[in-house]
PDB file of all heavy atoms in Angstrom:
ATOM      1  N   GLY A   1       0.786  -1.230   0.013  1.00  0.00           N
ATOM      2  CA  GLY A   1      -0.005  -0.002   0.008  1.00  0.00           C
ATOM      3  C   GLY A   1       0.812   1.293   0.003  1.00  0.00           C
ATOM      4  O   GLY A   1       0.248   2.363   0.272  1.00  0.00           O
ATOM      5  N   TYR A   2       2.081   1.218  -0.330  1.00  0.00           N
ATOM      6  CA  TYR A   2       2.927   2.430  -0.364  1.00  0.00           C
ATOM      7  C   TYR A   2       2.952   3.118  -1.715  1.00  0.00           C
ATOM      8  O   TYR A   2       3.241   4.325  -1.769  1.00  0.00           O
ATOM      9  CB  TYR A   2       4.368   2.058  -0.014  1.00  0.00           C
ATOM     10  CG  TYR A   2       4.515   1.696   1.446  1.00  0.00           C
ATOM     11  CD1 TYR A   2       4.950   0.393   1.780  1.00  0.00           C
ATOM     12  CD2 TYR A   2       4.351   2.623   2.455  1.00  0.00           C
ATOM     13  CE1 TYR A   2       5.103   0.062   3.143  1.00  0.00           C
ATOM     14  CE2 TYR A   2       4.512   2.284   3.805  1.00  0.00           C
ATOM     15  CZ  TYR A   2       4.921   0.985   4.139  1.00  0.00           C
ATOM     16  OH  TYR A   2       5.105   0.687   5.427  1.00  0.00           O
ATOM     17  N   ILE A   3       2.721   2.380  -2.786  1.00  0.00           N
ATOM     18  CA  ILE A   3       2.713   2.938  -4.119  1.00  0.00           C
ATOM     19  C   ILE A   3       1.564   2.406  -4.926  1.00  0.00           C
ATOM     20  O   ILE A   3       0.949   1.393  -4.591  1.00  0.00           O
ATOM     21  CB  ILE A   3       4.048   2.673  -4.897  1.00  0.00           C
ATOM     22  CG1 ILE A   3       4.261   1.173  -5.107  1.00  0.00           C
ATOM     23  CG2 ILE A   3       5.224   3.325  -4.142  1.00  0.00           C
ATOM     24  CD1 ILE A   3       5.417   0.842  -6.038  1.00  0.00           C
ATOM     25  N   TYR A   4       1.237   3.124  -6.014  1.00  0.00           N
ATOM     26  CA  TYR A   4       0.307   2.595  -7.009  1.00  0.00           C
ATOM     27  C   TYR A   4       0.854   2.927  -8.389  1.00  0.00           C
ATOM     28  O   TYR A   4       1.693   3.835  -8.542  1.00  0.00           O
ATOM     29  CB  TYR A   4      -1.121   3.099  -6.806  1.00  0.00           C
ATOM     30  CG  TYR A   4      -1.293   4.586  -7.014  1.00  0.00           C
ATOM     31  CD1 TYR A   4      -1.695   5.083  -8.236  1.00  0.00           C
ATOM     32  CD2 TYR A   4      -1.049   5.464  -5.958  1.00  0.00           C
ATOM     33  CE1 TYR A   4      -1.888   6.454  -8.394  1.00  0.00           C
ATOM     34  CE2 TYR A   4      -1.197   6.827  -6.126  1.00  0.00           C
ATOM     35  CZ  TYR A   4      -1.645   7.328  -7.372  1.00  0.00           C
ATOM     36  OH  TYR A   4      -1.785   8.658  -7.559  1.00  0.00           O
ATOM     37  N   LEU A   5       0.418   2.148  -9.370  1.00  0.00           N
ATOM     38  CA  LEU A   5       0.916   2.300 -10.762  1.00  0.00           C
ATOM     39  C   LEU A   5      -0.220   2.847 -11.634  1.00  0.00           C
ATOM     40  O   LEU A   5      -1.379   2.508 -11.442  1.00  0.00           O
ATOM     41  CB  LEU A   5       1.388   0.968 -11.288  1.00  0.00           C
ATOM     42  CG  LEU A   5       2.460   0.227 -10.431  1.00  0.00           C
ATOM     43  CD1 LEU A   5       2.738  -1.128 -11.006  1.00  0.00           C
ATOM     44  CD2 LEU A   5       3.755   1.053 -10.321  1.00  0.00           C
ATOM     45  N   LYS A   6       0.157   3.644 -12.581  1.00  0.00           N
ATOM     46  CA  LYS A   6      -0.763   4.107 -13.637  1.00  0.00           C
ATOM     47  C   LYS A   6      -0.137   3.816 -14.995  1.00  0.00           C
ATOM     48  O   LYS A   6       1.065   3.995 -15.201  1.00  0.00           O
ATOM     49  CB  LYS A   6      -0.951   5.620 -13.542  1.00  0.00           C
ATOM     50  CG  LYS A   6      -1.959   6.063 -12.513  1.00  0.00           C
ATOM     51  CD  LYS A   6      -2.219   7.564 -12.714  1.00  0.00           C
ATOM     52  CE  LYS A   6      -3.235   8.049 -11.687  1.00  0.00           C
ATOM     53  NZ  LYS A   6      -3.450   9.516 -11.778  1.00  0.00           N
ATOM     54  N   GLN A   7      -0.969   3.317 -15.867  1.00  0.00           N
ATOM     55  CA  GLN A   7      -0.519   2.972 -17.231  1.00  0.00           C
ATOM     56  C   GLN A   7      -0.093   4.211 -17.981  1.00  0.00           C
ATOM     57  O   GLN A   7      -0.762   5.234 -17.931  1.00  0.00           O
ATOM     58  CB  GLN A   7      -1.626   2.264 -17.995  1.00  0.00           C
ATOM     59  CG  GLN A   7      -1.239   1.680 -19.319  1.00  0.00           C
ATOM     60  CD  GLN A   7      -0.193   0.572 -19.172  1.00  0.00           C
ATOM     61  OE1 GLN A   7      -0.356  -0.315 -18.342  1.00  0.00           O
ATOM     62  NE2 GLN A   7       0.814   0.653 -19.981  1.00  0.00           N
ATOM     63  N   GLY A   8       1.041   4.108 -18.622  1.00  0.00           N
ATOM     64  CA  GLY A   8       1.560   5.154 -19.471  1.00  0.00           C
ATOM     65  C   GLY A   8       1.515   4.748 -20.912  1.00  0.00           C
ATOM     66  O   GLY A   8       0.656   3.892 -21.270  1.00  0.00           O
ATOM     67  N   ARG A   9       2.387   5.220 -21.755  1.00  0.00           N
ATOM     68  CA  ARG A   9       2.409   4.815 -23.139  1.00  0.00           C
ATOM     69  C   ARG A   9       3.000   3.426 -23.273  1.00  0.00           C
ATOM     70  O   ARG A   9       4.000   3.123 -22.580  1.00  0.00           O
ATOM     71  CB  ARG A   9       3.210   5.801 -23.945  1.00  0.00           C
ATOM     72  CG  ARG A   9       2.490   7.117 -24.149  1.00  0.00           C
ATOM     73  CD  ARG A   9       3.128   7.950 -25.255  1.00  0.00           C
ATOM     74  NE  ARG A   9       4.445   8.402 -24.828  1.00  0.00           N
ATOM     75  CZ  ARG A   9       5.286   9.030 -25.587  1.00  0.00           C
ATOM     76  NH1 ARG A   9       5.012   9.300 -26.838  1.00  0.00           N
ATOM     77  NH2 ARG A   9       6.477   9.436 -25.106  1.00  0.00           N
ATOM     78  N   GLY A  10       2.430   2.655 -24.126  1.00  0.00           N
ATOM     79  CA  GLY A  10       2.961   1.305 -24.348  1.00  0.00           C
ATOM     80  C   GLY A  10       2.965   0.465 -23.077  1.00  0.00           C
ATOM     81  O   GLY A  10       1.948   0.391 -22.397  1.00  0.00           O
ATOM     82  N   ARG A  11       4.137  -0.072 -22.746  1.00  0.00           N
ATOM     83  CA  ARG A  11       4.246  -0.888 -21.535  1.00  0.00           C
ATOM     84  C   ARG A  11       4.693  -0.091 -20.306  1.00  0.00           C
ATOM     85  O   ARG A  11       4.828  -0.627 -19.233  1.00  0.00           O
ATOM     86  CB  ARG A  11       5.248  -2.005 -21.801  1.00  0.00           C
ATOM     87  CG  ARG A  11       4.740  -2.953 -22.888  1.00  0.00           C
ATOM     88  CD  ARG A  11       5.786  -4.005 -23.228  1.00  0.00           C
ATOM     89  NE  ARG A  11       6.147  -4.834 -22.061  1.00  0.00           N
ATOM     90  CZ  ARG A  11       7.100  -5.697 -22.050  1.00  0.00           C
ATOM     91  NH1 ARG A  11       7.800  -5.942 -23.129  1.00  0.00           N
ATOM     92  NH2 ARG A  11       7.316  -6.409 -20.967  1.00  0.00           N
ATOM     93  N   ASP A  12       4.900   1.220 -20.481  1.00  0.00           N
ATOM     94  CA  ASP A  12       5.378   2.060 -19.402  1.00  0.00           C
ATOM     95  C   ASP A  12       4.275   2.208 -18.335  1.00  0.00           C
ATOM     96  O   ASP A  12       3.115   2.382 -18.622  1.00  0.00           O
ATOM     97  CB  ASP A  12       5.702   3.516 -19.908  1.00  0.00           C
ATOM     98  CG  ASP A  12       6.980   3.532 -20.704  1.00  0.00           C
ATOM     99  OD1 ASP A  12       7.788   2.562 -20.595  1.00  0.00           O
ATOM    100  OD2 ASP A  12       7.200   4.554 -21.391  1.00  0.00           O
ATOM    101  N   LYS A  13       4.703   2.090 -17.082  1.00  0.00           N
ATOM    102  CA  LYS A  13       3.845   2.324 -15.960  1.00  0.00           C
ATOM    103  C   LYS A  13       4.486   3.362 -15.054  1.00  0.00           C
ATOM    104  O   LYS A  13       5.649   3.262 -14.707  1.00  0.00           O
ATOM    105  CB  LYS A  13       3.564   1.036 -15.171  1.00  0.00           C
ATOM    106  CG  LYS A  13       2.734   0.081 -15.977  1.00  0.00           C
ATOM    107  CD  LYS A  13       2.207  -1.065 -15.132  1.00  0.00           C
ATOM    108  CE  LYS A  13       1.348  -1.899 -16.011  1.00  0.00           C
ATOM    109  NZ  LYS A  13       1.064  -3.179 -15.432  1.00  0.00           N
ATOM    110  N   HIS A  14       3.719   4.402 -14.738  1.00  0.00           N
ATOM    111  CA  HIS A  14       4.183   5.459 -13.862  1.00  0.00           C
ATOM    112  C   HIS A  14       3.912   5.053 -12.427  1.00  0.00           C
ATOM    113  O   HIS A  14       2.895   4.470 -12.097  1.00  0.00           O
ATOM    114  CB  HIS A  14       3.462   6.768 -14.170  1.00  0.00           C
ATOM    115  CG  HIS A  14       3.752   7.260 -15.537  1.00  0.00           C
ATOM    116  ND1 HIS A  14       4.852   8.034 -15.831  1.00  0.00           N
ATOM    117  CD2 HIS A  14       3.165   7.034 -16.733  1.00  0.00           C
ATOM    118  CE1 HIS A  14       4.875   8.286 -17.138  1.00  0.00           C
ATOM    119  NE2 HIS A  14       3.830   7.727 -17.698  1.00  0.00           N
ATOM    120  N   ILE A  15       4.871   5.380 -11.580  1.00  0.00           N
ATOM    121  CA  ILE A  15       4.838   4.976 -10.158  1.00  0.00           C
ATOM    122  C   ILE A  15       4.520   6.195  -9.312  1.00  0.00           C
ATOM    123  O   ILE A  15       5.196   7.242  -9.436  1.00  0.00           O
ATOM    124  CB  ILE A  15       6.161   4.317  -9.718  1.00  0.00           C
ATOM    125  CG1 ILE A  15       6.493   3.159 -10.654  1.00  0.00           C
ATOM    126  CG2 ILE A  15       6.114   3.861  -8.276  1.00  0.00           C
ATOM    127  CD1 ILE A  15       7.953   2.749 -10.603  1.00  0.00           C
ATOM    128  N   PHE A  16       3.543   6.054  -8.404  1.00  0.00           N
ATOM    129  CA  PHE A  16       3.116   7.134  -7.552  1.00  0.00           C
ATOM    130  C   PHE A  16       3.060   6.662  -6.105  1.00  0.00           C
ATOM    131  O   PHE A  16       2.764   5.480  -5.810  1.00  0.00           O
ATOM    132  CB  PHE A  16       1.702   7.615  -7.948  1.00  0.00           C
ATOM    133  CG  PHE A  16       1.641   8.219  -9.283  1.00  0.00           C
ATOM    134  CD1 PHE A  16       1.436   7.436 -10.415  1.00  0.00           C
ATOM    135  CD2 PHE A  16       1.787   9.600  -9.440  1.00  0.00           C
ATOM    136  CE1 PHE A  16       1.376   8.016 -11.678  1.00  0.00           C
ATOM    137  CE2 PHE A  16       1.706  10.191 -10.709  1.00  0.00           C
ATOM    138  CZ  PHE A  16       1.514   9.344 -11.846  1.00  0.00           C
ATOM    139  N   LEU A  17       3.375   7.560  -5.156  1.00  0.00           N
ATOM    140  CA  LEU A  17       3.220   7.231  -3.765  1.00  0.00           C
ATOM    141  C   LEU A  17       1.761   7.354  -3.347  1.00  0.00           C
ATOM    142  O   LEU A  17       1.082   8.291  -3.753  1.00  0.00           O
ATOM    143  CB  LEU A  17       4.056   8.255  -2.924  1.00  0.00           C
ATOM    144  CG  LEU A  17       5.586   8.126  -3.042  1.00  0.00           C
ATOM    145  CD1 LEU A  17       6.234   9.288  -2.336  1.00  0.00           C
ATOM    146  CD2 LEU A  17       6.064   6.803  -2.427  1.00  0.00           C
ATOM    147  N   THR A  18       1.329   6.435  -2.512  1.00  0.00           N
ATOM    148  CA  THR A  18       0.025   6.582  -1.874  1.00  0.00           C
ATOM    149  C   THR A  18       0.183   7.523  -0.678  1.00  0.00           C
ATOM    150  O   THR A  18       1.262   7.971  -0.366  1.00  0.00           O
ATOM    151  CB  THR A  18      -0.477   5.220  -1.371  1.00  0.00           C
ATOM    152  OG1 THR A  18       0.430   4.766  -0.355  1.00  0.00           O
ATOM    153  CG2 THR A  18      -0.608   4.173  -2.470  1.00  0.00           C
ATOM    154  N   GLU A  19      -0.915   7.772   0.013  1.00  0.00           N
ATOM    155  CA  GLU A  19      -0.858   8.572   1.217  1.00  0.00           C
ATOM    156  C   GLU A  19       0.089   7.930   2.228  1.00  0.00           C
ATOM    157  O   GLU A  19       0.894   8.609   2.872  1.00  0.00           O
ATOM    158  CB  GLU A  19      -2.209   8.774   1.793  1.00  0.00           C
ATOM    159  CG  GLU A  19      -2.290   9.796   2.934  1.00  0.00           C
ATOM    160  CD  GLU A  19      -1.822  11.176   2.502  1.00  0.00           C
ATOM    161  OE1 GLU A  19      -2.116  11.617   1.403  1.00  0.00           O
ATOM    162  OE2 GLU A  19      -1.058  11.816   3.284  1.00  0.00           O
ATOM    163  N   SER A  20      -0.028   6.633   2.356  1.00  0.00           N
ATOM    164  CA  SER A  20       0.900   5.889   3.253  1.00  0.00           C
ATOM    165  C   SER A  20       2.321   6.025   2.800  1.00  0.00           C
ATOM    166  O   SER A  20       3.250   6.173   3.659  1.00  0.00           O
ATOM    167  CB  SER A  20       0.470   4.428   3.310  1.00  0.00           C
ATOM    168  OG  SER A  20       1.274   3.675   4.089  1.00  0.00           O
ATOM    169  N   GLY A  21       2.570   5.968   1.547  1.00  0.00           N
ATOM    170  CA  GLY A  21       3.933   6.115   0.973  1.00  0.00           C
ATOM    171  C   GLY A  21       4.465   7.498   1.174  1.00  0.00           C
ATOM    172  O   GLY A  21       5.647   7.653   1.511  1.00  0.00           O
ATOM    173  N   ARG A  22       3.599   8.489   1.075  1.00  0.00           N
ATOM    174  CA  ARG A  22       4.070   9.877   1.320  1.00  0.00           C
ATOM    175  C   ARG A  22       4.409  10.064   2.807  1.00  0.00           C
ATOM    176  O   ARG A  22       5.416  10.698   3.117  1.00  0.00           O
ATOM    177  CB  ARG A  22       2.963  10.890   0.909  1.00  0.00           C
ATOM    178  CG  ARG A  22       3.076  11.273  -0.544  1.00  0.00           C
ATOM    179  CD  ARG A  22       2.165  12.448  -0.896  1.00  0.00           C
ATOM    180  NE  ARG A  22       0.760  12.093  -0.937  1.00  0.00           N
ATOM    181  CZ  ARG A  22       0.174  11.370  -1.935  1.00  0.00           C
ATOM    182  NH1 ARG A  22       0.898  10.895  -2.911  1.00  0.00           N
ATOM    183  NH2 ARG A  22      -1.105  11.099  -1.864  1.00  0.00           N
ATOM    184  N   HIS A  23       3.605   9.462   3.665  1.00  0.00           N
ATOM    185  CA  HIS A  23       3.896   9.556   5.101  1.00  0.00           C
ATOM    186  C   HIS A  23       5.232   8.898   5.403  1.00  0.00           C
ATOM    187  O   HIS A  23       6.048   9.419   6.160  1.00  0.00           O
ATOM    188  CB  HIS A  23       2.747   8.928   5.888  1.00  0.00           C
ATOM    189  CG  HIS A  23       3.044   8.887   7.401  1.00  0.00           C
ATOM    190  ND1 HIS A  23       3.036  10.037   8.163  1.00  0.00           N
ATOM    191  CD2 HIS A  23       3.361   7.879   8.214  1.00  0.00           C
ATOM    192  CE1 HIS A  23       3.319   9.707   9.396  1.00  0.00           C
ATOM    193  NE2 HIS A  23       3.487   8.401   9.477  1.00  0.00           N
ATOM    194  N   PHE A  24       5.476   7.703   4.849  1.00  0.00           N
ATOM    195  CA  PHE A  24       6.698   6.981   5.081  1.00  0.00           C
ATOM    196  C   PHE A  24       7.883   7.805   4.586  1.00  0.00           C
ATOM    197  O   PHE A  24       8.918   7.920   5.250  1.00  0.00           O
ATOM    198  CB  PHE A  24       6.681   5.621   4.328  1.00  0.00           C
ATOM    199  CG  PHE A  24       7.885   4.781   4.589  1.00  0.00           C
ATOM    200  CD1 PHE A  24       7.912   3.899   5.664  1.00  0.00           C
ATOM    201  CD2 PHE A  24       9.016   4.902   3.813  1.00  0.00           C
ATOM    202  CE1 PHE A  24       8.998   3.115   5.935  1.00  0.00           C
ATOM    203  CE2 PHE A  24      10.164   4.117   4.094  1.00  0.00           C
ATOM    204  CZ  PHE A  24      10.131   3.240   5.149  1.00  0.00           C
ATOM    205  N   THR A  25       7.741   8.409   3.409  1.00  0.00           N
ATOM    206  CA  THR A  25       8.783   9.237   2.849  1.00  0.00           C
ATOM    207  C   THR A  25       9.107  10.445   3.729  1.00  0.00           C
ATOM    208  O   THR A  25      10.250  10.719   3.988  1.00  0.00           O
ATOM    209  CB  THR A  25       8.423   9.714   1.394  1.00  0.00           C
ATOM    210  OG1 THR A  25       8.226   8.548   0.594  1.00  0.00           O
ATOM    211  CG2 THR A  25       9.465  10.587   0.817  1.00  0.00           C
ATOM    212  N   GLU A  26       8.088  11.091   4.192  1.00  0.00           N
ATOM    213  CA  GLU A  26       8.271  12.265   5.079  1.00  0.00           C
ATOM    214  C   GLU A  26       8.953  11.845   6.356  1.00  0.00           C
ATOM    215  O   GLU A  26       9.853  12.571   6.829  1.00  0.00           O
ATOM    216  CB  GLU A  26       6.946  12.941   5.364  1.00  0.00           C
ATOM    217  CG  GLU A  26       6.390  13.669   4.164  1.00  0.00           C
ATOM    218  CD  GLU A  26       4.929  14.090   4.332  1.00  0.00           C
ATOM    219  OE1 GLU A  26       4.375  13.973   5.464  1.00  0.00           O
ATOM    220  OE2 GLU A  26       4.352  14.586   3.359  1.00  0.00           O
ATOM    221  N   LYS A  27       8.559  10.733   6.920  1.00  0.00           N
ATOM    222  CA  LYS A  27       9.113  10.308   8.208  1.00  0.00           C
ATOM    223  C   LYS A  27      10.526   9.741   8.071  1.00  0.00           C
ATOM    224  O   LYS A  27      11.362   9.960   8.969  1.00  0.00           O
ATOM    225  CB  LYS A  27       8.179   9.230   8.822  1.00  0.00           C
ATOM    226  CG  LYS A  27       8.623   8.766  10.181  1.00  0.00           C
ATOM    227  CD  LYS A  27       7.637   7.776  10.762  1.00  0.00           C
ATOM    228  CE  LYS A  27       8.136   7.281  12.105  1.00  0.00           C
ATOM    229  NZ  LYS A  27       7.248   6.272  12.687  1.00  0.00           N
ATOM    230  N   HIS A  28      10.812   9.030   6.980  1.00  0.00           N
ATOM    231  CA  HIS A  28      12.082   8.267   6.900  1.00  0.00           C
ATOM    232  C   HIS A  28      13.023   8.747   5.820  1.00  0.00           C
ATOM    233  O   HIS A  28      14.264   8.780   6.076  1.00  0.00           O
ATOM    234  CB  HIS A  28      11.797   6.749   6.714  1.00  0.00           C
ATOM    235  CG  HIS A  28      11.048   6.151   7.816  1.00  0.00           C
ATOM    236  ND1 HIS A  28      11.582   5.903   9.027  1.00  0.00           N
ATOM    237  CD2 HIS A  28       9.770   5.683   7.870  1.00  0.00           C
ATOM    238  CE1 HIS A  28      10.712   5.344   9.832  1.00  0.00           C
ATOM    239  NE2 HIS A  28       9.599   5.188   9.169  1.00  0.00           N
ATOM    240  N   ILE A  29      12.530   9.053   4.638  1.00  0.00           N
ATOM    241  CA  ILE A  29      13.442   9.360   3.519  1.00  0.00           C
ATOM    242  C   ILE A  29      13.945  10.762   3.542  1.00  0.00           C
ATOM    243  O   ILE A  29      15.140  11.032   3.386  1.00  0.00           O
ATOM    244  CB  ILE A  29      12.759   9.017   2.185  1.00  0.00           C
ATOM    245  CG1 ILE A  29      12.286   7.573   2.116  1.00  0.00           C
ATOM    246  CG2 ILE A  29      13.718   9.333   1.003  1.00  0.00           C
ATOM    247  CD1 ILE A  29      13.358   6.539   2.344  1.00  0.00           C
ATOM    248  N   ILE A  30      13.056  11.701   3.780  1.00  0.00           N
ATOM    249  CA  ILE A  30      13.445  13.132   3.772  1.00  0.00           C
ATOM    250  C   ILE A  30      14.539  13.390   4.837  1.00  0.00           C
ATOM    251  O   ILE A  30      15.529  14.072   4.504  1.00  0.00           O
ATOM    252  CB  ILE A  30      12.245  14.071   3.955  1.00  0.00           C
ATOM    253  CG1 ILE A  30      11.372  13.974   2.692  1.00  0.00           C
ATOM    254  CG2 ILE A  30      12.657  15.484   4.232  1.00  0.00           C
ATOM    255  CD1 ILE A  30      10.055  14.719   2.742  1.00  0.00           C
ATOM    256  N   PRO A  31      14.456  12.855   6.043  1.00  0.00           N
ATOM    257  CA  PRO A  31      15.555  13.068   6.973  1.00  0.00           C
ATOM    258  C   PRO A  31      16.919  12.538   6.470  1.00  0.00           C
ATOM    259  O   PRO A  31      17.966  13.128   6.730  1.00  0.00           O
ATOM    260  CB  PRO A  31      15.117  12.338   8.247  1.00  0.00           C
ATOM    261  CG  PRO A  31      13.630  12.329   8.176  1.00  0.00           C
ATOM    262  CD  PRO A  31      13.342  12.178   6.700  1.00  0.00           C
ATOM    263  N   VAL A  32      16.895  11.424   5.760  1.00  0.00           N
ATOM    264  CA  VAL A  32      18.104  10.885   5.196  1.00  0.00           C
ATOM    265  C   VAL A  32      18.711  11.843   4.191  1.00  0.00           C
ATOM    266  O   VAL A  32      19.914  12.171   4.172  1.00  0.00           O
ATOM    267  CB  VAL A  32      17.948   9.492   4.566  1.00  0.00           C
ATOM    268  CG1 VAL A  32      19.153   8.993   3.809  1.00  0.00           C
ATOM    269  CG2 VAL A  32      17.572   8.484   5.641  1.00  0.00           C
ATOM    270  N   VAL A  33      17.840  12.319   3.298  1.00  0.00           N
ATOM    271  CA  VAL A  33      18.294  13.301   2.256  1.00  0.00           C
ATOM    272  C   VAL A  33      18.851  14.553   2.895  1.00  0.00           C
ATOM    273  O   VAL A  33      19.902  15.100   2.509  1.00  0.00           O
ATOM    274  CB  VAL A  33      17.127  13.658   1.286  1.00  0.00           C
ATOM    275  CG1 VAL A  33      17.526  14.765   0.343  1.00  0.00           C
ATOM    276  CG2 VAL A  33      16.709  12.428   0.536  1.00  0.00           C
ATOM    277  N   GLN A  34      18.174  15.014   3.959  1.00  0.00           N
ATOM    278  CA  GLN A  34      18.654  16.202   4.679  1.00  0.00           C
ATOM    279  C   GLN A  34      20.039  15.972   5.299  1.00  0.00           C
ATOM    280  O   GLN A  34      20.937  16.842   5.205  1.00  0.00           O
ATOM    281  CB  GLN A  34      17.675  16.654   5.738  1.00  0.00           C
ATOM    282  CG  GLN A  34      16.406  17.165   5.186  1.00  0.00           C
ATOM    283  CD  GLN A  34      15.290  17.380   6.187  1.00  0.00           C
ATOM    284  OE1 GLN A  34      15.256  16.696   7.275  1.00  0.00           O
ATOM    285  NE2 GLN A  34      14.395  18.260   5.917  1.00  0.00           N
ATOM    286  N   LYS A  35      20.240  14.836   5.866  1.00  0.00           N
ATOM    287  CA  LYS A  35      21.543  14.486   6.506  1.00  0.00           C
ATOM    288  C   LYS A  35      22.622  14.343   5.410  1.00  0.00           C
ATOM    289  O   LYS A  35      23.778  14.749   5.628  1.00  0.00           O
ATOM    290  CB  LYS A  35      21.425  13.308   7.389  1.00  0.00           C
ATOM    291  CG  LYS A  35      20.435  13.563   8.531  1.00  0.00           C
ATOM    292  CD  LYS A  35      20.683  12.700   9.702  1.00  0.00           C
ATOM    293  CE  LYS A  35      19.653  12.949  10.798  1.00  0.00           C
ATOM    294  NZ  LYS A  35      19.416  14.333  11.164  1.00  0.00           N
ATOM    295  N   GLU A  36      22.256  13.752   4.288  1.00  0.00           N
ATOM    296  CA  GLU A  36      23.235  13.662   3.167  1.00  0.00           C
ATOM    297  C   GLU A  36      23.649  15.020   2.708  1.00  0.00           C
ATOM    298  O   GLU A  36      24.843  15.284   2.509  1.00  0.00           O
ATOM    299  CB  GLU A  36      22.570  12.973   1.928  1.00  0.00           C
ATOM    300  CG  GLU A  36      22.480  11.450   2.040  1.00  0.00           C
ATOM    301  CD  GLU A  36      21.777  10.947   0.798  1.00  0.00           C
ATOM    302  OE1 GLU A  36      20.850  11.592   0.259  1.00  0.00           O
ATOM    303  OE2 GLU A  36      22.159   9.844   0.359  1.00  0.00           O
ATOM    304  N   ASN A  37      22.682  15.933   2.526  1.00  0.00           N
ATOM    305  CA  ASN A  37      22.983  17.280   2.125  1.00  0.00           C
ATOM    306  C   ASN A  37      23.886  17.971   3.120  1.00  0.00           C
ATOM    307  O   ASN A  37      24.812  18.678   2.748  1.00  0.00           O
ATOM    308  CB  ASN A  37      21.681  18.083   1.871  1.00  0.00           C
ATOM    309  CG  ASN A  37      20.993  17.748   0.596  1.00  0.00           C
ATOM    310  OD1 ASN A  37      21.680  17.479  -0.425  1.00  0.00           O
ATOM    311  ND2 ASN A  37      19.700  17.700   0.624  1.00  0.00           N
TER     312      ASN A  37
END
């Protein structure tokens, strides 16, 4: 439940964060990026 896919052109599928995925990113990924920076 962290991401969902939307059909693009041909076989391409676009990847999107769900609300749960956005929450996970805000809580865990953004702090890592900030510390890297």
